[in-house]
Amino acid sequence: MSVRRKLFGPTSFAPSVHSISLDLLEAGGARAIIVDLDNTLVGYRNPAPALEVHEWIRGALGRGFKVAMVTNNASPWADGVAAGLGIPCVLAARKPRSRGFLTALDVLGAGREETVVIGDQLFTDVLGAKLLGLRVILTEPIVAREQWWMRLVRLAERLMIRRLPRS
């Protein structure tokens, strides 16, 4: 396996967090979910998650999944989004560093083998998860319009993703 695939190849792809089948996660042995905030749960400059996201999180919790949010965002707003969803939050995680993911695993009381990470960024969510041996689902960003510097990151991500096999 190439280094590129090992570090940047998500386990799978999904259009959005709410399009991910909880049945398939459960069948694959997942019992815990770590989810990103910005452009995964809430679109850039949107104040709150869409109804479909609320329903998906509520469905996951109702089925017994343990869910936590891990975000590089450090604002009170981010903590409020997690509280509104009824899930714990790790703020200022500094992804792709491991600390935020490890804190979430500890909070959830979950092992790496039973946890899946869901996020929209290759260089933070996917890389951070892969460095810890976690499964990861890469979603499309909710909105395409972001800060100017993020457009450069997205371009680099697209170039990298083109070279990865899809599953």
C-alpha atoms as a PDB file:
ATOM      1  CA  MET A   1       0.000   0.000   0.000  1.00  0.00           C
ATOM      2  CA  SER A   2       1.378   3.397  -0.928  1.00  0.00           C
ATOM      3  CA  VAL A   3       2.095   6.019   1.729  1.00  0.00           C
ATOM      4  CA  ARG A   4      -0.448   8.284   0.026  1.00  0.00           C
ATOM      5  CA  ARG A   5      -3.183   5.644   0.325  1.00  0.00           C
ATOM      6  CA  LYS A   6      -2.161   4.688   3.863  1.00  0.00           C
ATOM      7  CA  LEU A   7      -2.250   8.263   5.214  1.00  0.00           C
ATOM      8  CA  PHE A   8      -4.794  10.014   3.007  1.00  0.00           C
ATOM      9  CA  GLY A   9      -7.083   7.277   1.726  1.00  0.00           C
ATOM     10  CA  PRO A  10     -10.430   7.384   3.507  1.00  0.00           C
ATOM     11  CA  THR A  11     -12.128   4.097   4.270  1.00  0.00           C
ATOM     12  CA  SER A  12     -15.058   5.328   2.194  1.00  0.00           C
ATOM     13  CA  PHE A  13     -16.712   8.398   0.702  1.00  0.00           C
ATOM     14  CA  ALA A  14     -20.192   9.843   1.298  1.00  0.00           C
ATOM     15  CA  PRO A  15     -21.989  12.909  -0.073  1.00  0.00           C
ATOM     16  CA  SER A  16     -23.020  14.058   3.418  1.00  0.00           C
ATOM     17  CA  VAL A  17     -23.074  12.909   7.017  1.00  0.00           C
ATOM     18  CA  HIS A  18     -26.822  12.287   6.897  1.00  0.00           C
ATOM     19  CA  SER A  19     -26.454  10.063   3.815  1.00  0.00           C
ATOM     20  CA  ILE A  20     -24.306   7.583   5.773  1.00  0.00           C
ATOM     21  CA  SER A  21     -26.196   4.396   6.587  1.00  0.00           C
ATOM     22  CA  LEU A  22     -26.293   3.657  10.300  1.00  0.00           C
ATOM     23  CA  ASP A  23     -27.124   0.046   9.379  1.00  0.00           C
ATOM     24  CA  LEU A  24     -23.867  -0.248   7.434  1.00  0.00           C
ATOM     25  CA  LEU A  25     -21.859   1.379  10.225  1.00  0.00           C
ATOM     26  CA  GLU A  26     -23.335  -1.050  12.729  1.00  0.00           C
ATOM     27  CA  ALA A  27     -22.794  -4.046  10.430  1.00  0.00           C
ATOM     28  CA  GLY A  28     -19.164  -2.967  10.055  1.00  0.00           C
ATOM     29  CA  GLY A  29     -18.653  -3.092  13.817  1.00  0.00           C
ATOM     30  CA  ALA A  30     -18.839   0.632  14.534  1.00  0.00           C
ATOM     31  CA  ARG A  31     -20.185   1.522  17.959  1.00  0.00           C
ATOM     32  CA  ALA A  32     -18.749   5.043  18.239  1.00  0.00           C
ATOM     33  CA  ILE A  33     -18.678   7.993  15.839  1.00  0.00           C
ATOM     34  CA  ILE A  34     -16.363  10.996  15.905  1.00  0.00           C
ATOM     35  CA  VAL A  35     -17.687  13.743  13.652  1.00  0.00           C
ATOM     36  CA  ASP A  36     -16.204  17.037  12.471  1.00  0.00           C
ATOM     37  CA  LEU A  37     -18.135  20.307  12.784  1.00  0.00           C
ATOM     38  CA  ASP A  38     -17.299  22.890  10.122  1.00  0.00           C
ATOM     39  CA  ASN A  39     -18.646  21.931   6.703  1.00  0.00           C
ATOM     40  CA  THR A  40     -19.448  18.402   7.896  1.00  0.00           C
ATOM     41  CA  LEU A  41     -22.276  19.071  10.363  1.00  0.00           C
ATOM     42  CA  VAL A  42     -22.752  22.789   9.688  1.00  0.00           C
ATOM     43  CA  GLY A  43     -22.041  24.665   6.479  1.00  0.00           C
ATOM     44  CA  TYR A  44     -19.648  27.600   6.465  1.00  0.00           C
ATOM     45  CA  ARG A  45     -21.388  30.706   7.887  1.00  0.00           C
ATOM     46  CA  ASN A  46     -24.521  28.759   8.786  1.00  0.00           C
ATOM     47  CA  PRO A  47     -25.552  29.170  12.427  1.00  0.00           C
ATOM     48  CA  ALA A  48     -26.873  25.652  13.022  1.00  0.00           C
ATOM     49  CA  PRO A  49     -26.996  22.168  11.501  1.00  0.00           C
ATOM     50  CA  ALA A  50     -29.763  21.303   9.066  1.00  0.00           C
ATOM     51  CA  LEU A  51     -32.739  19.260  10.239  1.00  0.00           C
ATOM     52  CA  GLU A  52     -31.374  16.173   8.439  1.00  0.00           C
ATOM     53  CA  VAL A  53     -28.191  16.372  10.514  1.00  0.00           C
ATOM     54  CA  HIS A  54     -30.184  16.640  13.755  1.00  0.00           C
ATOM     55  CA  GLU A  55     -32.260  13.624  12.733  1.00  0.00           C
ATOM     56  CA  TRP A  56     -29.182  11.580  11.773  1.00  0.00           C
ATOM     57  CA  ILE A  57     -27.457  12.320  15.094  1.00  0.00           C
ATOM     58  CA  ARG A  58     -30.677  11.581  17.004  1.00  0.00           C
ATOM     59  CA  GLY A  59     -31.015   8.312  15.067  1.00  0.00           C
ATOM     60  CA  ALA A  60     -27.428   7.332  15.832  1.00  0.00           C
ATOM     61  CA  LEU A  61     -27.840   8.061  19.538  1.00  0.00           C
ATOM     62  CA  GLY A  62     -31.185   6.248  19.584  1.00  0.00           C
ATOM     63  CA  ARG A  63     -29.542   3.136  18.166  1.00  0.00           C
ATOM     64  CA  GLY A  64     -26.906   3.179  20.878  1.00  0.00           C
ATOM     65  CA  PHE A  65     -24.022   4.755  18.981  1.00  0.00           C
ATOM     66  CA  LYS A  66     -21.731   6.929  21.058  1.00  0.00           C
ATOM     67  CA  VAL A  67     -21.159  10.198  19.190  1.00  0.00           C
ATOM     68  CA  ALA A  68     -18.714  13.042  19.838  1.00  0.00           C
ATOM     69  CA  MET A  69     -17.695  16.097  17.866  1.00  0.00           C
ATOM     70  CA  VAL A  70     -14.009  16.919  17.375  1.00  0.00           C
ATOM     71  CA  THR A  71     -13.282  20.312  15.865  1.00  0.00           C
ATOM     72  CA  ASN A  72     -10.408  22.699  15.359  1.00  0.00           C
ATOM     73  CA  ASN A  73     -12.905  25.461  16.087  1.00  0.00           C
ATOM     74  CA  ALA A  74     -12.505  26.930  19.578  1.00  0.00           C
ATOM     75  CA  SER A  75     -15.559  29.187  19.740  1.00  0.00           C
ATOM     76  CA  PRO A  76     -18.451  29.056  22.192  1.00  0.00           C
ATOM     77  CA  TRP A  77     -20.666  28.654  19.113  1.00  0.00           C
ATOM     78  CA  ALA A  78     -19.026  25.277  18.340  1.00  0.00           C
ATOM     79  CA  ASP A  79     -19.625  24.064  21.878  1.00  0.00           C
ATOM     80  CA  GLY A  80     -23.237  25.252  21.590  1.00  0.00           C
ATOM     81  CA  VAL A  81     -23.782  23.294  18.371  1.00  0.00           C
ATOM     82  CA  ALA A  82     -22.602  20.119  20.111  1.00  0.00           C
ATOM     83  CA  ALA A  83     -24.810  20.831  23.120  1.00  0.00           C
ATOM     84  CA  GLY A  84     -27.783  21.394  20.813  1.00  0.00           C
ATOM     85  CA  LEU A  85     -27.127  18.008  19.230  1.00  0.00           C
ATOM     86  CA  GLY A  86     -26.740  16.386  22.637  1.00  0.00           C
ATOM     87  CA  ILE A  87     -23.180  15.202  22.077  1.00  0.00           C
ATOM     88  CA  PRO A  88     -19.848  15.917  23.778  1.00  0.00           C
ATOM     89  CA  CYS A  89     -17.365  18.177  22.044  1.00  0.00           C
ATOM     90  CA  VAL A  90     -13.590  18.425  21.869  1.00  0.00           C
ATOM     91  CA  LEU A  91     -12.748  22.029  20.958  1.00  0.00           C
ATOM     92  CA  ALA A  92      -9.462  23.363  19.540  1.00  0.00           C
ATOM     93  CA  ALA A  93      -8.400  19.818  18.632  1.00  0.00           C
ATOM     94  CA  ARG A  94      -5.598  20.915  16.306  1.00  0.00           C
ATOM     95  CA  LYS A  95      -6.310  18.132  13.848  1.00  0.00           C
ATOM     96  CA  PRO A  96      -4.561  16.200  12.393  1.00  0.00           C
ATOM     97  CA  ARG A  97      -2.775  15.909  15.733  1.00  0.00           C
ATOM     98  CA  SER A  98      -3.903  12.916  17.760  1.00  0.00           C
ATOM     99  CA  ARG A  99      -4.846  14.613  21.037  1.00  0.00           C
ATOM    100  CA  GLY A 100      -8.394  15.589  20.037  1.00  0.00           C
ATOM    101  CA  PHE A 101      -9.202  12.155  18.653  1.00  0.00           C
ATOM    102  CA  LEU A 102      -7.729  10.428  21.716  1.00  0.00           C
ATOM    103  CA  THR A 103      -9.701  12.717  24.027  1.00  0.00           C
ATOM    104  CA  ALA A 104     -12.895  11.850  22.135  1.00  0.00           C
ATOM    105  CA  LEU A 105     -12.155   8.118  22.373  1.00  0.00           C
ATOM    106  CA  ASP A 106     -11.688   8.531  26.112  1.00  0.00           C
ATOM    107  CA  VAL A 107     -14.893  10.568  26.522  1.00  0.00           C
ATOM    108  CA  LEU A 108     -16.835   7.998  24.508  1.00  0.00           C
ATOM    109  CA  GLY A 109     -15.225   5.045  26.277  1.00  0.00           C
ATOM    110  CA  ALA A 110     -14.592   3.537  22.856  1.00  0.00           C
ATOM    111  CA  GLY A 111     -11.766   1.598  21.270  1.00  0.00           C
ATOM    112  CA  ARG A 112     -10.178   2.427  17.958  1.00  0.00           C
ATOM    113  CA  GLU A 113     -11.493  -0.720  16.287  1.00  0.00           C
ATOM    114  CA  GLU A 114     -15.110   0.219  17.025  1.00  0.00           C
ATOM    115  CA  THR A 115     -14.860   3.896  16.070  1.00  0.00           C
ATOM    116  CA  VAL A 116     -15.369   5.673  12.762  1.00  0.00           C
ATOM    117  CA  VAL A 117     -14.452   9.288  12.025  1.00  0.00           C
ATOM    118  CA  ILE A 118     -16.584  11.395   9.672  1.00  0.00           C
ATOM    119  CA  GLY A 119     -15.244  14.627   8.197  1.00  0.00           C
ATOM    120  CA  ASP A 120     -14.885  16.744   5.091  1.00  0.00           C
ATOM    121  CA  GLN A 121     -11.148  17.469   5.049  1.00  0.00           C
ATOM    122  CA  LEU A 122      -8.381  15.221   3.825  1.00  0.00           C
ATOM    123  CA  PHE A 123      -5.525  16.976   5.635  1.00  0.00           C
ATOM    124  CA  THR A 124      -7.220  17.201   9.049  1.00  0.00           C
ATOM    125  CA  ASP A 125      -9.998  14.631   9.471  1.00  0.00           C
ATOM    126  CA  VAL A 126      -8.690  11.824   7.256  1.00  0.00           C
ATOM    127  CA  LEU A 127      -5.013  12.218   8.069  1.00  0.00           C
ATOM    128  CA  GLY A 128      -5.669  12.526  11.812  1.00  0.00           C
ATOM    129  CA  ALA A 129      -7.877   9.438  11.843  1.00  0.00           C
ATOM    130  CA  LYS A 130      -5.489   7.384   9.736  1.00  0.00           C
ATOM    131  CA  LEU A 131      -2.516   8.269  11.946  1.00  0.00           C
ATOM    132  CA  LEU A 132      -4.403   6.563  14.808  1.00  0.00           C
ATOM    133  CA  GLY A 133      -5.587   3.609  12.739  1.00  0.00           C
ATOM    134  CA  LEU A 134      -9.222   4.745  12.772  1.00  0.00           C
ATOM    135  CA  ARG A 135     -11.674   4.147   9.943  1.00  0.00           C
ATOM    136  CA  VAL A 136     -12.747   7.379   8.283  1.00  0.00           C
ATOM    137  CA  ILE A 137     -15.518   8.467   5.941  1.00  0.00           C
ATOM    138  CA  LEU A 138     -14.769  11.536   3.818  1.00  0.00           C
ATOM    139  CA  THR A 139     -17.845  13.647   3.060  1.00  0.00           C
ATOM    140  CA  GLU A 140     -18.306  16.413   0.562  1.00  0.00           C
ATOM    141  CA  PRO A 141     -18.190  19.887   2.139  1.00  0.00           C
ATOM    142  CA  ILE A 142     -21.703  21.184   2.820  1.00  0.00           C
ATOM    143  CA  VAL A 143     -20.994  24.497   1.068  1.00  0.00           C
ATOM    144  CA  ALA A 144     -18.398  25.233  -1.581  1.00  0.00           C
ATOM    145  CA  ARG A 145     -17.871  28.899  -0.690  1.00  0.00           C
ATOM    146  CA  GLU A 146     -15.306  29.210   2.119  1.00  0.00           C
ATOM    147  CA  GLN A 147     -12.478  31.466   3.219  1.00  0.00           C
ATOM    148  CA  TRP A 148      -9.967  32.285   0.475  1.00  0.00           C
ATOM    149  CA  TRP A 149      -7.190  30.190   2.021  1.00  0.00           C
ATOM    150  CA  MET A 150      -9.486  27.188   2.322  1.00  0.00           C
ATOM    151  CA  ARG A 151      -9.995  27.237  -1.433  1.00  0.00           C
ATOM    152  CA  LEU A 152      -6.266  26.544  -1.799  1.00  0.00           C
ATOM    153  CA  VAL A 153      -6.536  23.620   0.617  1.00  0.00           C
ATOM    154  CA  ARG A 154      -9.530  22.245  -1.294  1.00  0.00           C
ATOM    155  CA  LEU A 155      -7.568  22.423  -4.551  1.00  0.00           C
ATOM    156  CA  ALA A 156      -4.725  20.403  -3.008  1.00  0.00           C
ATOM    157  CA  GLU A 157      -7.282  17.924  -1.631  1.00  0.00           C
ATOM    158  CA  ARG A 158      -8.905  17.465  -5.044  1.00  0.00           C
ATOM    159  CA  LEU A 159      -5.522  16.746  -6.619  1.00  0.00           C
ATOM    160  CA  MET A 160      -4.749  14.170  -3.934  1.00  0.00           C
ATOM    161  CA  ILE A 161      -8.215  12.556  -4.060  1.00  0.00           C
ATOM    162  CA  ARG A 162      -8.031  12.100  -7.830  1.00  0.00           C
ATOM    163  CA  ARG A 163      -5.121   9.756  -7.261  1.00  0.00           C
ATOM    164  CA  LEU A 164      -6.950   7.633  -4.674  1.00  0.00           C
ATOM    165  CA  PRO A 165      -9.174   4.671  -5.565  1.00  0.00           C
ATOM    166  CA  ARG A 166     -12.832   5.130  -4.542  1.00  0.00           C
ATOM    167  CA  SER A 167     -14.664   2.550  -2.467  1.00  0.00           C
END
